[in-house]
Amino acid sequence: MALRVKIPVPLQQFTHGQKEVELKGGTVSDTLKELVSKFPGMKKHIFDAQDRLSGFMNIYVNKEDTRYLPQERILKDTDEVLIIHAVSGG
């Protein structure tokens, strides 16, 4: 069994149209690194130039915002990771 990561529509072009991908997981950070390793086109959208999470991405684990979760928390196979591409404008 693998960890499920839901991909937002704007990034599905990098996952060959897949709405959800399965990854090995580990921590949230490990999961995101694995994601961009498997789908390199996503890197510039997920991480900034300093390899920090982009300010335009919100990551949730089981509907909890990861900004409020311990970053070293080990994810379980039953956890669901959701990437939300922030929208801005006026």
N, C-alpha and C. Protein backbone atom coordinates (compact mmCIF):
# COMPACT_ATOMS: atom_id res chain seq x y z
N MET A 1 0.84 -1.18 0.00
CA MET A 1 0.00 0.00 0.00
C MET A 1 0.89 1.25 0.00
N ALA A 2 0.43 2.29 -0.65
CA ALA A 2 1.21 3.51 -0.76
C ALA A 2 0.37 4.71 -0.32
N LEU A 3 1.06 5.78 -0.08
CA LEU A 3 0.44 7.04 0.31
C LEU A 3 -0.20 7.69 -0.91
N ARG A 4 -1.42 8.18 -0.77
CA ARG A 4 -2.12 8.84 -1.88
C ARG A 4 -1.90 10.34 -1.82
N VAL A 5 -1.53 10.93 -2.96
CA VAL A 5 -1.35 12.37 -3.07
C VAL A 5 -2.29 12.86 -4.16
N LYS A 6 -3.20 13.76 -3.79
CA LYS A 6 -4.14 14.33 -4.77
C LYS A 6 -3.49 15.53 -5.44
N ILE A 7 -3.59 15.57 -6.75
CA ILE A 7 -2.92 16.60 -7.56
C ILE A 7 -3.96 17.60 -8.07
N PRO A 8 -3.72 18.91 -7.89
CA PRO A 8 -4.67 19.89 -8.39
C PRO A 8 -4.66 19.94 -9.93
N VAL A 9 -5.77 20.34 -10.50
CA VAL A 9 -5.92 20.37 -11.96
C VAL A 9 -4.78 21.10 -12.66
N PRO A 10 -4.34 22.29 -12.20
CA PRO A 10 -3.26 22.97 -12.93
C PRO A 10 -1.95 22.18 -12.99
N LEU A 11 -1.74 21.23 -12.07
CA LEU A 11 -0.49 20.46 -12.06
C LEU A 11 -0.64 19.07 -12.68
N GLN A 12 -1.84 18.70 -13.06
CA GLN A 12 -2.05 17.36 -13.63
C GLN A 12 -1.37 17.18 -14.98
N GLN A 13 -1.03 18.28 -15.63
CA GLN A 13 -0.30 18.16 -16.89
C GLN A 13 1.07 17.50 -16.68
N PHE A 14 1.62 17.62 -15.47
CA PHE A 14 2.92 17.04 -15.17
C PHE A 14 2.82 15.59 -14.71
N THR A 15 1.61 15.14 -14.35
CA THR A 15 1.39 13.75 -13.92
C THR A 15 0.67 12.95 -14.99
N HIS A 16 0.73 13.43 -16.23
CA HIS A 16 0.09 12.76 -17.36
C HIS A 16 -1.41 12.62 -17.15
N GLY A 17 -2.00 13.66 -16.54
CA GLY A 17 -3.45 13.70 -16.34
C GLY A 17 -3.94 12.99 -15.10
N GLN A 18 -3.04 12.42 -14.33
CA GLN A 18 -3.46 11.71 -13.12
C GLN A 18 -3.93 12.69 -12.05
N LYS A 19 -5.09 12.42 -11.48
CA LYS A 19 -5.63 13.26 -10.40
C LYS A 19 -5.05 12.88 -9.06
N GLU A 20 -4.50 11.68 -8.99
CA GLU A 20 -3.96 11.15 -7.75
C GLU A 20 -2.77 10.26 -8.09
N VAL A 21 -1.71 10.37 -7.30
CA VAL A 21 -0.55 9.50 -7.49
C VAL A 21 -0.24 8.81 -6.18
N GLU A 22 0.39 7.66 -6.27
CA GLU A 22 0.79 6.93 -5.07
C GLU A 22 2.29 7.02 -4.91
N LEU A 23 2.71 7.36 -3.70
CA LEU A 23 4.13 7.51 -3.39
C LEU A 23 4.46 6.75 -2.12
N LYS A 24 5.75 6.54 -1.87
CA LYS A 24 6.18 5.82 -0.68
C LYS A 24 5.91 6.62 0.59
N GLY A 25 6.08 7.93 0.52
CA GLY A 25 5.80 8.76 1.69
C GLY A 25 7.01 8.96 2.57
N GLY A 26 6.79 8.85 3.87
CA GLY A 26 7.79 9.25 4.86
C GLY A 26 7.22 10.46 5.56
N THR A 27 7.95 11.56 5.58
CA THR A 27 7.42 12.81 6.11
C THR A 27 6.77 13.59 4.97
N VAL A 28 6.14 14.71 5.30
CA VAL A 28 5.56 15.57 4.26
C VAL A 28 6.66 16.00 3.30
N SER A 29 7.78 16.42 3.85
CA SER A 29 8.91 16.87 3.03
C SER A 29 9.40 15.74 2.12
N ASP A 30 9.56 14.54 2.67
CA ASP A 30 9.99 13.39 1.86
C ASP A 30 9.01 13.12 0.72
N THR A 31 7.74 13.23 1.02
CA THR A 31 6.70 12.96 0.03
C THR A 31 6.76 13.96 -1.11
N LEU A 32 6.93 15.24 -0.77
CA LEU A 32 6.99 16.27 -1.81
C LEU A 32 8.27 16.12 -2.66
N LYS A 33 9.37 15.76 -2.02
CA LYS A 33 10.61 15.53 -2.76
C LYS A 33 10.47 14.34 -3.70
N GLU A 34 9.81 13.28 -3.23
CA GLU A 34 9.57 12.12 -4.09
C GLU A 34 8.66 12.50 -5.26
N LEU A 35 7.66 13.33 -4.99
CA LEU A 35 6.73 13.77 -6.03
C LEU A 35 7.47 14.49 -7.15
N VAL A 36 8.33 15.45 -6.80
CA VAL A 36 9.03 16.21 -7.84
C VAL A 36 10.14 15.39 -8.49
N SER A 37 10.62 14.37 -7.80
CA SER A 37 11.60 13.47 -8.41
C SER A 37 10.92 12.62 -9.48
N LYS A 38 9.71 12.17 -9.18
CA LYS A 38 8.95 11.34 -10.11
C LYS A 38 8.38 12.16 -11.26
N PHE A 39 8.01 13.42 -10.96
CA PHE A 39 7.41 14.32 -11.95
C PHE A 39 8.18 15.65 -11.92
N PRO A 40 9.37 15.70 -12.55
CA PRO A 40 10.25 16.86 -12.46
C PRO A 40 9.64 18.19 -12.88
N GLY A 41 8.69 18.18 -13.77
CA GLY A 41 8.07 19.42 -14.22
C GLY A 41 7.32 20.16 -13.12
N MET A 42 7.01 19.46 -12.05
CA MET A 42 6.27 20.06 -10.94
C MET A 42 7.16 20.87 -10.01
N LYS A 43 8.46 20.62 -10.05
CA LYS A 43 9.36 21.22 -9.05
C LYS A 43 9.23 22.74 -8.97
N LYS A 44 9.23 23.42 -10.10
CA LYS A 44 9.18 24.88 -10.08
C LYS A 44 7.84 25.41 -9.57
N HIS A 45 6.84 24.56 -9.51
CA HIS A 45 5.53 24.96 -9.00
C HIS A 45 5.38 24.63 -7.51
N ILE A 46 6.05 23.60 -7.05
CA ILE A 46 5.95 23.17 -5.66
C ILE A 46 6.96 23.90 -4.77
N PHE A 47 8.19 24.06 -5.29
CA PHE A 47 9.27 24.67 -4.50
C PHE A 47 9.74 25.97 -5.13
N ASP A 48 10.26 26.87 -4.28
CA ASP A 48 10.84 28.11 -4.79
C ASP A 48 12.32 27.88 -5.13
N ALA A 49 13.04 28.93 -5.48
CA ALA A 49 14.45 28.82 -5.88
C ALA A 49 15.35 28.32 -4.76
N GLN A 50 14.92 28.47 -3.51
CA GLN A 50 15.70 28.01 -2.36
C GLN A 50 15.22 26.63 -1.87
N ASP A 51 14.43 25.95 -2.69
CA ASP A 51 13.88 24.62 -2.37
C ASP A 51 12.98 24.63 -1.13
N ARG A 52 12.33 25.75 -0.88
CA ARG A 52 11.30 25.83 0.16
C ARG A 52 9.95 25.73 -0.54
N LEU A 53 8.95 25.29 0.21
CA LEU A 53 7.61 25.19 -0.36
C LEU A 53 7.18 26.54 -0.91
N SER A 54 6.69 26.55 -2.11
CA SER A 54 6.22 27.78 -2.74
C SER A 54 5.08 28.41 -1.93
N GLY A 55 5.07 29.72 -1.89
CA GLY A 55 4.00 30.43 -1.21
C GLY A 55 2.65 30.27 -1.89
N PHE A 56 2.64 29.70 -3.09
CA PHE A 56 1.40 29.50 -3.83
C PHE A 56 0.85 28.09 -3.68
N MET A 57 1.46 27.30 -2.80
CA MET A 57 1.01 25.92 -2.57
C MET A 57 0.62 25.75 -1.11
N ASN A 58 -0.48 25.09 -0.90
CA ASN A 58 -0.91 24.70 0.44
C ASN A 58 -0.99 23.19 0.45
N ILE A 59 -0.41 22.58 1.47
CA ILE A 59 -0.38 21.12 1.58
C ILE A 59 -1.20 20.71 2.80
N TYR A 60 -2.09 19.78 2.59
CA TYR A 60 -2.94 19.28 3.67
C TYR A 60 -2.72 17.78 3.82
N VAL A 61 -2.74 17.31 5.06
CA VAL A 61 -2.71 15.88 5.36
C VAL A 61 -3.99 15.58 6.12
N ASN A 62 -4.82 14.75 5.51
CA ASN A 62 -6.11 14.42 6.10
C ASN A 62 -6.90 15.68 6.47
N LYS A 63 -6.90 16.63 5.57
CA LYS A 63 -7.64 17.90 5.70
C LYS A 63 -7.06 18.84 6.75
N GLU A 64 -5.85 18.55 7.28
CA GLU A 64 -5.18 19.44 8.22
C GLU A 64 -4.07 20.17 7.48
N ASP A 65 -4.02 21.49 7.63
CA ASP A 65 -2.99 22.31 7.01
C ASP A 65 -1.64 21.93 7.61
N THR A 66 -0.67 21.60 6.77
CA THR A 66 0.63 21.14 7.26
C THR A 66 1.42 22.24 7.95
N ARG A 67 1.03 23.50 7.78
CA ARG A 67 1.73 24.57 8.50
C ARG A 67 1.54 24.41 10.00
N TYR A 68 0.52 23.66 10.41
CA TYR A 68 0.22 23.48 11.82
C TYR A 68 0.54 22.07 12.31
N LEU A 69 1.23 21.29 11.47
CA LEU A 69 1.60 19.92 11.85
C LEU A 69 3.12 19.85 12.02
N PRO A 70 3.60 18.96 12.87
CA PRO A 70 5.06 18.78 12.99
C PRO A 70 5.63 18.31 11.65
N GLN A 71 6.63 19.00 11.13
CA GLN A 71 7.17 18.66 9.81
C GLN A 71 7.87 17.30 9.79
N GLU A 72 8.31 16.83 10.95
CA GLU A 72 8.98 15.53 10.99
C GLU A 72 7.99 14.38 11.17
N ARG A 73 6.71 14.70 11.23
CA ARG A 73 5.68 13.67 11.40
C ARG A 73 5.75 12.67 10.26
N ILE A 74 5.77 11.40 10.61
CA ILE A 74 5.81 10.33 9.61
C ILE A 74 4.38 10.07 9.14
N LEU A 75 4.21 10.08 7.84
CA LEU A 75 2.89 9.83 7.25
C LEU A 75 2.64 8.33 7.17
N LYS A 76 1.39 7.96 7.32
CA LYS A 76 0.97 6.57 7.23
C LYS A 76 0.37 6.32 5.84
N ASP A 77 0.32 5.06 5.45
CA ASP A 77 -0.28 4.70 4.16
C ASP A 77 -1.73 5.13 4.06
N THR A 78 -2.40 5.24 5.18
CA THR A 78 -3.81 5.62 5.18
C THR A 78 -4.01 7.13 5.11
N ASP A 79 -2.92 7.90 5.24
CA ASP A 79 -3.03 9.36 5.15
C ASP A 79 -3.26 9.78 3.71
N GLU A 80 -3.95 10.88 3.55
CA GLU A 80 -4.17 11.45 2.23
C GLU A 80 -3.56 12.84 2.19
N VAL A 81 -2.69 13.06 1.21
CA VAL A 81 -2.04 14.35 1.04
C VAL A 81 -2.74 15.08 -0.10
N LEU A 82 -3.10 16.31 0.15
CA LEU A 82 -3.81 17.12 -0.82
C LEU A 82 -3.00 18.38 -1.09
N ILE A 83 -2.71 18.63 -2.35
CA ILE A 83 -2.01 19.84 -2.75
C ILE A 83 -3.03 20.81 -3.29
N ILE A 84 -3.04 22.00 -2.73
CA ILE A 84 -3.98 23.04 -3.19
C ILE A 84 -3.14 24.17 -3.77
N HIS A 85 -3.40 24.47 -5.00
CA HIS A 85 -2.71 25.58 -5.68
C HIS A 85 -3.45 26.86 -5.34
N ALA A 86 -2.81 27.75 -4.59
CA ALA A 86 -3.44 29.00 -4.19
C ALA A 86 -3.72 29.88 -5.39
N VAL A 87 -4.82 30.56 -5.36
CA VAL A 87 -5.21 31.46 -6.43
C VAL A 87 -5.22 32.87 -5.86
N SER A 88 -4.66 33.79 -6.61
CA SER A 88 -4.67 35.18 -6.16
C SER A 88 -5.07 36.07 -7.33
N GLY A 89 -5.36 37.26 -7.00
CA GLY A 89 -5.75 38.20 -8.05
C GLY A 89 -6.72 39.22 -7.49
N GLY A 90 -7.19 40.05 -8.34
CA GLY A 90 -8.07 41.08 -7.79
C GLY A 90 -9.10 41.55 -8.70
